[in-house]
Amino acid sequence: MRKRLGKSVGIVVAVMFFLVGFTNIAPAAEKPIVIGAPLSTAFLYGWDAERGIKLAVEEINAAGGVKVGGKKRPFSVEVIDTRDLEPSVPVSDALLGLEKLILDKNADFIIGGPVRSEAALAAMDLLNKYKKVSILSTGVLTPAYHKKVAENYAKYKYCFRITSHVIVMANEFVTLLADIKKGHGFNKVYIMVQDVAHARGGGEAMKKMLAASGWDVVDMKIFPTGTTDFSMALNDVAKTQADIIFLWMDMPESAILLKQWSGMKLKALPMGFVNAAEQPGFWKATEGKGEFLIVNLVNGGNAPAKITPWTMKFANAYEKRWGLEPEGYGTSSSYMAVYTLKEAIEKAGAIDADAVITALENVNLMGVYGRISFDKATHQVIASDDPKLGAVTGIIQWQKGKRVQVFPPNVAEAKILLPPWMKK
């Protein structure tokens, strides 16, 4: 009898342990919120955007994820190489990549690109078709993007841009040049641009704006992509006694231009939109001859700076994760796009497109490069020269091997330096 009783008690105890163990099994992980990232990953504006997105996702997931309707859900990232910055790749290829993210990878939201303006503009119709909210965070500086939203809000309400655009950037340079003109008495500028559509158009726009603000634009030279000798044009700069060389180039050969400029000791300060000079490795690529070049990084935080308390926190986290400082345009904005999306989802309490759109239109988040908020009519991030009021630019000068923030004045960490051979 005792044997049977003992056996029965043993069975009961085993069943109890099984039930307790069963009830203590961790609940299944919540379904991830999928971010689709269409990026031209072989280029700076693609790979640094991917790194910025992944860093933000890792930080958010490590902190518990995104609160949606009382539950915490993680982000996951699906990246596809659109190749849209590669020569001769048709826009249709980028659109196929975006559609694959939506249909095959089940992306809930789109962050990043497409990176090329033509591809991003064409993608707006796909975003409307699939009702996918997108935050453009790299490339695409054309004002046509946010104008399309304003002109047909019902169709393009899904499209937001968290970066600056070329009109704002050109005006920033005009303001900066006005300060330089006032401080040094400069009045002549020589424009040198790459033979690609955006650079030619940008050069023409700067030519008109500078002339309208009192500058003597002595010439504008256009260089084929891949040019390796700029000496003839630089000799022309010397002959015309230009004070400023304004550059608009995204080819790596611009490093050669700076080497030649430094070797000739031209009495003209170089500045502009120079893709290669955005990156930390530019100093080494020019063997230090890139010193004194002034570059627009589009958004603050794309180089270490103290714009907000978050800026250096981001810069340090990026360097720890990827082994180098933030690399240039597309880095800080892609990182902030993820945090801005998190903020909107949590305010909406859902991932429904219309609810998130409304939340994004009302977002008010202090971030890496200032206050992040969007114009409700255009879905363009609101820019400012004061980080308390809006998103600020990152115009830097190479000084002693470092990228140093020199504009806007509210967040400048140093004054603009002239090469010793330019000082009177």
Protein backbone atom coordinates (compact mmCIF):
# COMPACT_ATOMS: atom_id res chain seq x y z
CA MET A 1 0.00 0.00 0.00
CA ARG A 2 2.79 2.37 0.96
CA LYS A 3 4.55 1.47 -2.28
CA ARG A 4 1.52 2.36 -4.34
CA LEU A 5 0.97 5.59 -2.40
CA GLY A 6 4.57 6.61 -2.86
CA LYS A 7 4.34 5.89 -6.57
CA SER A 8 1.12 7.96 -6.86
CA VAL A 9 2.63 10.87 -4.95
CA GLY A 10 5.67 10.75 -7.24
CA ILE A 11 3.46 10.93 -10.31
CA VAL A 12 1.51 13.88 -8.88
CA VAL A 13 4.70 15.73 -7.98
CA ALA A 14 6.13 15.13 -11.47
CA VAL A 15 2.93 16.44 -13.07
CA MET A 16 3.02 19.50 -10.80
CA PHE A 17 6.63 20.24 -11.77
CA PHE A 18 5.69 19.86 -15.43
CA LEU A 19 2.78 22.29 -15.09
CA VAL A 20 4.87 24.83 -13.17
CA GLY A 21 7.60 24.56 -15.77
CA PHE A 22 5.05 24.97 -18.54
CA THR A 23 3.52 28.09 -17.01
CA ASN A 24 6.98 29.62 -16.56
CA ILE A 25 7.97 29.21 -20.19
CA ALA A 26 8.95 32.61 -21.59
CA PRO A 27 6.27 33.99 -23.90
CA ALA A 28 7.03 33.96 -27.59
CA ALA A 29 8.89 37.09 -28.73
CA GLU A 30 6.69 39.80 -30.18
CA LYS A 31 6.66 40.12 -33.96
CA PRO A 32 9.37 42.54 -35.15
CA ILE A 33 8.52 45.82 -36.85
CA VAL A 34 10.39 45.53 -40.14
CA ILE A 35 12.30 48.53 -41.50
CA GLY A 36 13.09 48.24 -45.21
CA ALA A 37 16.21 50.14 -46.24
CA PRO A 38 16.67 50.66 -50.01
CA LEU A 39 20.25 51.91 -50.32
CA SER A 40 23.05 52.11 -52.87
CA THR A 41 25.42 50.29 -50.54
CA ALA A 42 28.61 50.60 -52.60
CA PHE A 43 28.64 54.37 -52.04
CA LEU A 44 29.17 56.56 -48.97
CA TYR A 45 25.56 57.77 -48.82
CA GLY A 46 24.42 54.15 -48.81
CA TRP A 47 26.82 52.35 -46.49
CA ASP A 48 26.91 55.08 -43.84
CA ALA A 49 23.09 55.23 -43.87
CA GLU A 50 22.94 51.46 -43.35
CA ARG A 51 25.32 51.74 -40.39
CA GLY A 52 23.33 54.62 -38.88
CA ILE A 53 20.06 52.68 -39.18
CA LYS A 54 21.50 49.49 -37.71
CA LEU A 55 23.13 51.32 -34.79
CA ALA A 56 19.82 52.96 -33.84
CA VAL A 57 17.94 49.65 -34.14
CA GLU A 58 20.50 47.87 -31.94
CA GLU A 59 20.24 50.59 -29.28
CA ILE A 60 16.44 50.60 -29.31
CA ASN A 61 16.17 46.82 -29.15
CA ALA A 62 18.74 46.66 -26.32
CA ALA A 63 16.53 49.09 -24.38
CA GLY A 64 13.47 46.88 -24.83
CA GLY A 65 12.12 47.83 -28.24
CA VAL A 66 9.15 49.92 -29.33
CA LYS A 67 6.01 50.18 -27.21
CA VAL A 68 2.95 49.40 -29.34
CA GLY A 69 -0.42 49.00 -27.67
CA GLY A 70 1.03 48.01 -24.31
CA LYS A 71 3.55 45.56 -25.79
CA LYS A 72 7.23 45.99 -26.60
CA ARG A 73 8.19 45.01 -30.14
CA PRO A 74 11.70 44.94 -31.59
CA PHE A 75 12.80 46.52 -34.84
CA SER A 76 14.41 44.43 -37.56
CA VAL A 77 16.19 45.76 -40.67
CA GLU A 78 16.11 44.47 -44.23
CA VAL A 79 18.63 46.18 -46.51
CA ILE A 80 18.58 45.89 -50.29
CA ASP A 81 21.21 47.30 -52.65
CA THR A 82 19.35 49.52 -55.12
CA ARG A 83 22.59 50.33 -57.02
CA ASP A 84 20.90 53.61 -58.00
CA LEU A 85 24.11 55.64 -57.63
CA GLU A 86 25.97 53.41 -60.06
CA PRO A 87 26.39 54.74 -63.61
CA SER A 88 23.84 53.50 -66.16
CA VAL A 89 21.67 51.65 -63.61
CA PRO A 90 18.05 52.42 -64.58
CA VAL A 91 15.55 53.85 -62.12
CA SER A 92 13.39 50.76 -62.63
CA ASP A 93 16.02 48.62 -60.86
CA ALA A 94 15.76 50.74 -57.71
CA LEU A 95 11.96 50.49 -57.84
CA LEU A 96 12.16 46.70 -58.14
CA GLY A 97 14.37 46.66 -55.05
CA LEU A 98 11.91 48.78 -53.10
CA GLU A 99 9.01 46.57 -54.19
CA LYS A 100 10.92 43.48 -53.11
CA LEU A 101 11.38 44.97 -49.64
CA ILE A 102 7.65 45.55 -49.38
CA LEU A 103 6.33 42.31 -50.93
CA ASP A 104 9.04 39.73 -50.13
CA LYS A 105 10.57 41.13 -46.95
CA ASN A 106 7.26 42.44 -45.55
CA ALA A 107 8.68 45.85 -44.66
CA ASP A 108 6.34 47.83 -42.42
CA PHE A 109 8.22 51.10 -42.96
CA ILE A 110 10.89 52.42 -45.33
CA ILE A 111 13.95 54.36 -44.13
CA GLY A 112 16.94 55.48 -46.18
CA GLY A 113 16.47 55.86 -49.94
CA PRO A 114 16.31 55.29 -52.82
CA VAL A 115 19.38 57.53 -52.82
CA ARG A 116 19.32 59.01 -56.32
CA SER A 117 16.83 61.83 -56.80
CA GLU A 118 15.18 60.40 -59.91
CA ALA A 119 14.68 57.02 -58.21
CA ALA A 120 13.30 58.55 -55.01
CA LEU A 121 10.83 60.71 -56.93
CA ALA A 122 9.61 57.69 -58.90
CA ALA A 123 9.37 55.64 -55.69
CA MET A 124 6.79 58.04 -54.24
CA ASP A 125 4.09 56.39 -56.39
CA LEU A 126 5.03 52.93 -55.08
CA LEU A 127 4.84 54.17 -51.49
CA ASN A 128 1.35 55.44 -52.22
CA LYS A 129 0.37 52.17 -53.93
CA TYR A 130 1.37 50.06 -50.91
CA LYS A 131 0.54 52.72 -48.29
CA LYS A 132 4.03 52.52 -46.75
CA VAL A 133 5.33 55.38 -44.63
CA SER A 134 8.85 56.37 -45.67
CA ILE A 135 11.45 58.64 -44.04
CA LEU A 136 14.02 59.68 -46.62
CA SER A 137 17.35 60.01 -44.81
CA THR A 138 20.13 60.13 -47.40
CA GLY A 139 20.83 61.39 -50.91
CA VAL A 140 17.96 63.18 -52.72
CA LEU A 141 18.60 66.86 -52.10
CA THR A 142 16.14 68.09 -54.73
CA PRO A 143 13.34 70.40 -53.54
CA ALA A 144 11.04 68.59 -55.99
CA TYR A 145 10.59 65.84 -53.37
CA HIS A 146 8.79 67.87 -50.73
CA LYS A 147 7.05 70.00 -53.37
CA LYS A 148 5.31 66.87 -54.67
CA VAL A 149 3.94 66.21 -51.17
CA ALA A 150 2.60 69.77 -50.94
CA GLU A 151 1.03 69.63 -54.40
CA ASN A 152 -0.71 66.27 -53.89
CA TYR A 153 -0.86 65.58 -50.17
CA ALA A 154 -3.51 62.84 -50.40
CA LYS A 155 -1.31 60.80 -52.73
CA TYR A 156 2.14 61.47 -51.26
CA LYS A 157 1.36 61.87 -47.55
CA TYR A 158 3.42 58.73 -46.87
CA CYS A 159 6.66 60.51 -47.81
CA PHE A 160 8.79 62.36 -45.22
CA ARG A 161 12.34 63.73 -45.50
CA ILE A 162 14.53 64.15 -42.40
CA THR A 163 17.50 65.68 -44.25
CA SER A 164 18.07 69.15 -45.66
CA HIS A 165 17.78 70.04 -49.36
CA VAL A 166 19.80 72.00 -51.87
CA ILE A 167 17.99 75.36 -51.53
CA VAL A 168 18.59 75.47 -47.78
CA MET A 169 22.20 74.32 -48.26
CA ALA A 170 22.96 76.94 -50.92
CA ASN A 171 21.52 79.69 -48.73
CA GLU A 172 23.68 78.49 -45.84
CA PHE A 173 26.79 78.85 -47.98
CA VAL A 174 25.70 82.29 -49.21
CA THR A 175 25.30 83.37 -45.56
CA LEU A 176 28.67 81.90 -44.63
CA LEU A 177 30.35 83.60 -47.60
CA ALA A 178 28.79 86.92 -46.64
CA ASP A 179 30.47 86.61 -43.23
CA ILE A 180 33.80 85.75 -44.87
CA LYS A 181 33.44 88.65 -47.29
CA LYS A 182 32.76 91.05 -44.45
CA GLY A 183 35.62 89.74 -42.32
CA HIS A 184 38.32 89.54 -45.00
CA GLY A 185 37.24 91.86 -47.78
CA PHE A 186 37.00 89.05 -50.32
CA ASN A 187 34.86 89.64 -53.40
CA LYS A 188 35.90 87.20 -56.17
CA VAL A 189 34.77 83.59 -56.48
CA TYR A 190 35.73 80.91 -59.02
CA ILE A 191 33.29 77.97 -59.38
CA MET A 192 34.51 74.45 -60.28
CA VAL A 193 31.95 71.64 -60.71
CA GLN A 194 31.80 68.02 -61.82
CA ASP A 195 30.06 67.21 -65.11
CA VAL A 196 26.97 65.59 -63.60
CA ALA A 197 23.47 67.03 -63.59
CA HIS A 198 23.16 67.89 -59.89
CA ALA A 199 26.60 69.56 -59.76
CA ARG A 200 26.06 71.57 -62.96
CA GLY A 201 22.66 72.70 -61.74
CA GLY A 202 24.03 73.48 -58.29
CA GLY A 203 26.93 75.44 -59.77
CA GLU A 204 24.57 77.54 -61.88
CA ALA A 205 22.35 78.19 -58.87
CA MET A 206 25.32 79.27 -56.74
CA LYS A 207 26.57 81.48 -59.57
CA LYS A 208 23.26 83.38 -59.64
CA MET A 209 22.91 83.58 -55.86
CA LEU A 210 26.47 84.79 -55.32
CA ALA A 211 26.20 87.38 -58.08
CA ALA A 212 22.94 88.61 -56.56
CA SER A 213 24.64 89.01 -53.18
CA GLY A 214 27.49 91.12 -54.54
CA TRP A 215 30.16 88.57 -55.43
CA ASP A 216 32.15 88.80 -58.65
CA VAL A 217 31.85 85.29 -60.12
CA VAL A 218 34.88 85.30 -62.43
CA ASP A 219 34.25 81.91 -64.08
CA MET A 220 32.66 78.47 -63.78
CA LYS A 221 34.57 75.45 -65.06
CA ILE A 222 33.03 71.98 -65.58
CA PHE A 223 35.19 68.83 -65.21
CA PRO A 224 34.40 65.33 -66.53
CA THR A 225 34.05 62.62 -63.89
CA GLY A 226 37.46 61.03 -63.40
CA THR A 227 39.53 64.15 -64.13
CA THR A 228 43.01 63.76 -62.62
CA ASP A 229 44.64 67.11 -63.45
CA PHE A 230 43.14 70.45 -62.41
CA SER A 231 46.28 72.55 -62.82
CA MET A 232 45.09 74.60 -65.82
CA ALA A 233 41.97 75.73 -64.00
CA LEU A 234 43.94 76.42 -60.83
CA ASN A 235 46.36 78.55 -62.82
CA ASP A 236 43.31 80.44 -64.06
CA VAL A 237 42.20 80.96 -60.45
CA ALA A 238 45.58 82.57 -59.76
CA LYS A 239 45.38 84.81 -62.85
CA THR A 240 41.87 86.05 -62.00
CA GLN A 241 42.96 86.63 -58.36
CA ALA A 242 39.88 84.84 -57.07
CA ASP A 243 39.53 84.77 -53.28
CA ILE A 244 37.26 81.72 -53.09
CA ILE A 245 37.17 78.44 -55.04
CA PHE A 246 33.64 77.05 -54.79
CA LEU A 247 33.51 73.30 -55.51
CA TRP A 248 30.62 70.95 -56.29
CA MET A 249 32.00 67.43 -56.79
CA ASP A 250 31.34 63.90 -55.64
CA MET A 251 34.22 62.14 -57.42
CA PRO A 252 37.18 60.86 -55.35
CA GLU A 253 39.58 62.66 -57.72
CA SER A 254 38.70 65.90 -55.90
CA ALA A 255 41.48 64.83 -53.51
CA ILE A 256 43.93 65.47 -56.39
CA LEU A 257 42.49 68.97 -56.83
CA LEU A 258 43.22 69.77 -53.18
CA LYS A 259 46.75 68.39 -53.42
CA GLN A 260 47.42 70.62 -56.43
CA TRP A 261 45.80 73.64 -54.76
CA SER A 262 48.00 73.19 -51.69
CA GLY A 263 51.15 72.59 -53.75
CA MET A 264 50.56 75.79 -55.73
CA LYS A 265 49.77 77.73 -52.52
CA LEU A 266 46.89 79.49 -54.22
CA LYS A 267 45.55 82.53 -52.41
CA ALA A 268 41.98 81.27 -52.72
CA LEU A 269 40.05 79.47 -49.97
CA PRO A 270 38.39 76.21 -51.17
CA MET A 271 34.89 75.27 -50.03
CA GLY A 272 31.73 73.59 -51.22
CA PHE A 273 30.05 70.21 -51.60
CA VAL A 274 32.89 67.69 -51.86
CA ASN A 275 31.79 64.11 -51.26
CA ALA A 276 35.28 62.67 -50.74
CA ALA A 277 36.13 65.36 -48.18
CA GLU A 278 33.22 64.41 -45.93
CA GLN A 279 34.89 61.20 -44.80
CA PRO A 280 37.41 60.82 -41.95
CA GLY A 281 39.90 59.25 -44.38
CA PHE A 282 40.11 62.36 -46.58
CA TRP A 283 43.04 63.73 -44.57
CA LYS A 284 45.11 60.65 -45.33
CA ALA A 285 43.95 60.57 -48.98
CA THR A 286 45.27 64.11 -49.52
CA GLU A 287 48.38 63.54 -47.37
CA GLY A 288 47.23 66.48 -45.24
CA LYS A 289 46.81 68.75 -48.24
CA GLY A 290 43.06 68.95 -47.56
CA GLU A 291 43.76 71.30 -44.65
CA PHE A 292 41.56 74.45 -44.69
CA LEU A 293 38.90 72.99 -47.05
CA ILE A 294 35.35 73.90 -45.94
CA VAL A 295 32.66 71.27 -46.60
CA ASN A 296 28.89 71.11 -46.16
CA LEU A 297 27.89 67.80 -44.53
CA VAL A 298 24.16 68.63 -44.97
CA ASN A 299 23.14 67.73 -41.40
CA GLY A 300 24.93 68.23 -38.12
CA GLY A 301 26.40 65.16 -36.44
CA ASN A 302 27.90 63.75 -39.63
CA ALA A 303 31.20 64.66 -37.97
CA PRO A 304 31.82 64.89 -34.20
CA ALA A 305 30.42 68.14 -32.75
CA LYS A 306 28.65 69.50 -29.67
CA ILE A 307 25.36 70.61 -31.24
CA THR A 308 23.15 68.90 -28.64
CA PRO A 309 23.96 66.53 -25.76
CA TRP A 310 23.03 63.69 -28.12
CA THR A 311 25.57 64.60 -30.85
CA MET A 312 28.74 63.34 -29.19
CA LYS A 313 26.85 60.44 -27.61
CA PHE A 314 25.96 59.37 -31.17
CA ALA A 315 29.48 60.04 -32.52
CA ASN A 316 31.08 57.95 -29.77
CA ALA A 317 28.57 55.11 -30.18
CA TYR A 318 29.11 55.09 -33.96
CA GLU A 319 32.89 54.94 -33.58
CA LYS A 320 32.64 52.16 -31.00
CA ARG A 321 30.30 50.12 -33.24
CA TRP A 322 31.90 50.70 -36.65
CA GLY A 323 35.51 51.61 -35.85
CA LEU A 324 35.52 55.16 -37.23
CA GLU A 325 33.83 58.52 -36.74
CA PRO A 326 30.49 59.30 -38.43
CA GLU A 327 31.38 59.27 -42.09
CA GLY A 328 29.42 62.01 -43.84
CA TYR A 329 26.00 62.85 -45.20
CA GLY A 330 23.38 60.21 -44.45
CA THR A 331 24.90 59.01 -41.17
CA SER A 332 23.22 61.09 -38.45
CA SER A 333 19.98 61.55 -40.41
CA SER A 334 19.50 57.78 -40.93
CA TYR A 335 20.18 57.16 -37.25
CA MET A 336 17.67 59.85 -36.25
CA ALA A 337 15.06 58.55 -38.72
CA VAL A 338 14.80 55.32 -36.70
CA TYR A 339 14.40 57.15 -33.40
CA THR A 340 11.85 59.50 -34.98
CA LEU A 341 9.86 56.52 -36.28
CA LYS A 342 9.96 54.95 -32.80
CA GLU A 343 8.63 58.18 -31.30
CA ALA A 344 5.79 58.32 -33.84
CA ILE A 345 4.78 54.67 -33.42
CA GLU A 346 4.67 55.03 -29.65
CA LYS A 347 2.58 58.20 -29.89
CA ALA A 348 0.24 56.53 -32.38
CA GLY A 349 0.05 53.36 -30.31
CA ALA A 350 -0.04 51.42 -33.57
CA ILE A 351 1.82 50.80 -36.80
CA ASP A 352 -1.17 51.76 -38.94
CA ALA A 353 0.04 54.11 -41.71
CA ASP A 354 -2.47 56.92 -41.17
CA ALA A 355 -1.94 56.92 -37.40
CA VAL A 356 1.86 57.05 -37.81
CA ILE A 357 1.59 59.83 -40.42
CA THR A 358 -0.39 61.96 -37.98
CA ALA A 359 2.13 61.24 -35.23
CA LEU A 360 5.07 62.12 -37.50
CA GLU A 361 3.39 65.38 -38.46
CA ASN A 362 3.28 66.25 -34.75
CA VAL A 363 6.64 64.84 -33.68
CA ASN A 364 8.83 67.14 -31.58
CA LEU A 365 12.05 65.34 -30.74
CA MET A 366 15.39 66.81 -29.70
CA GLY A 367 17.95 64.78 -31.60
CA VAL A 368 21.53 64.56 -32.82
CA TYR A 369 21.38 67.71 -34.98
CA GLY A 370 18.70 69.69 -33.18
CA ARG A 371 14.94 69.63 -32.86
CA ILE A 372 13.27 67.20 -35.27
CA SER A 373 9.85 68.26 -36.52
CA PHE A 374 8.22 68.25 -39.95
CA ASP A 375 6.31 70.83 -41.92
CA LYS A 376 2.78 69.40 -42.04
CA ALA A 377 2.14 70.47 -45.64
CA THR A 378 5.42 69.24 -47.18
CA HIS A 379 6.71 66.63 -44.69
CA GLN A 380 10.12 68.30 -44.97
CA VAL A 381 12.16 68.48 -41.77
CA ILE A 382 12.18 72.04 -40.42
CA ALA A 383 15.63 73.60 -40.66
CA SER A 384 17.12 76.25 -38.40
CA ASP A 385 20.47 77.74 -37.44
CA ASP A 386 19.50 77.13 -33.79
CA PRO A 387 19.27 73.49 -32.62
CA LYS A 388 16.59 74.46 -30.11
CA LEU A 389 14.31 75.43 -32.98
CA GLY A 390 15.09 72.95 -35.76
CA ALA A 391 17.55 70.78 -37.64
CA VAL A 392 20.92 72.46 -38.11
CA THR A 393 23.52 71.91 -40.79
CA GLY A 394 27.05 70.66 -40.33
CA ILE A 395 29.48 72.89 -42.22
CA ILE A 396 32.99 71.88 -41.21
CA GLN A 397 36.54 72.94 -41.98
CA TRP A 398 39.49 70.58 -42.01
CA GLN A 399 41.78 71.89 -39.28
CA LYS A 400 44.89 69.96 -38.17
CA GLY A 401 43.50 66.71 -39.48
CA LYS A 402 40.07 67.07 -37.85
CA ARG A 403 36.65 68.01 -39.20
CA VAL A 404 35.67 71.03 -37.09
CA GLN A 405 32.19 72.57 -37.05
CA VAL A 406 32.47 76.23 -38.18
CA PHE A 407 28.85 77.05 -39.16
CA PRO A 408 26.21 77.99 -38.13
CA PRO A 409 27.52 80.41 -35.48
CA ASN A 410 25.20 79.04 -32.76
CA VAL A 411 27.03 75.71 -32.78
CA ALA A 412 30.44 76.63 -34.26
CA GLU A 413 33.38 75.20 -32.34
CA ALA A 414 36.08 77.22 -34.09
CA LYS A 415 36.58 80.16 -36.41
CA ILE A 416 37.38 79.67 -40.08
CA LEU A 417 41.14 79.58 -40.65
CA LEU A 418 42.96 80.86 -43.72
CA PRO A 419 46.06 79.13 -45.11
CA PRO A 420 49.22 80.93 -43.95
CA TRP A 421 49.98 82.01 -47.53
CA MET A 422 46.60 83.85 -47.67
CA LYS A 423 47.15 85.93 -44.55
CA LYS A 424 47.93 89.58 -45.10
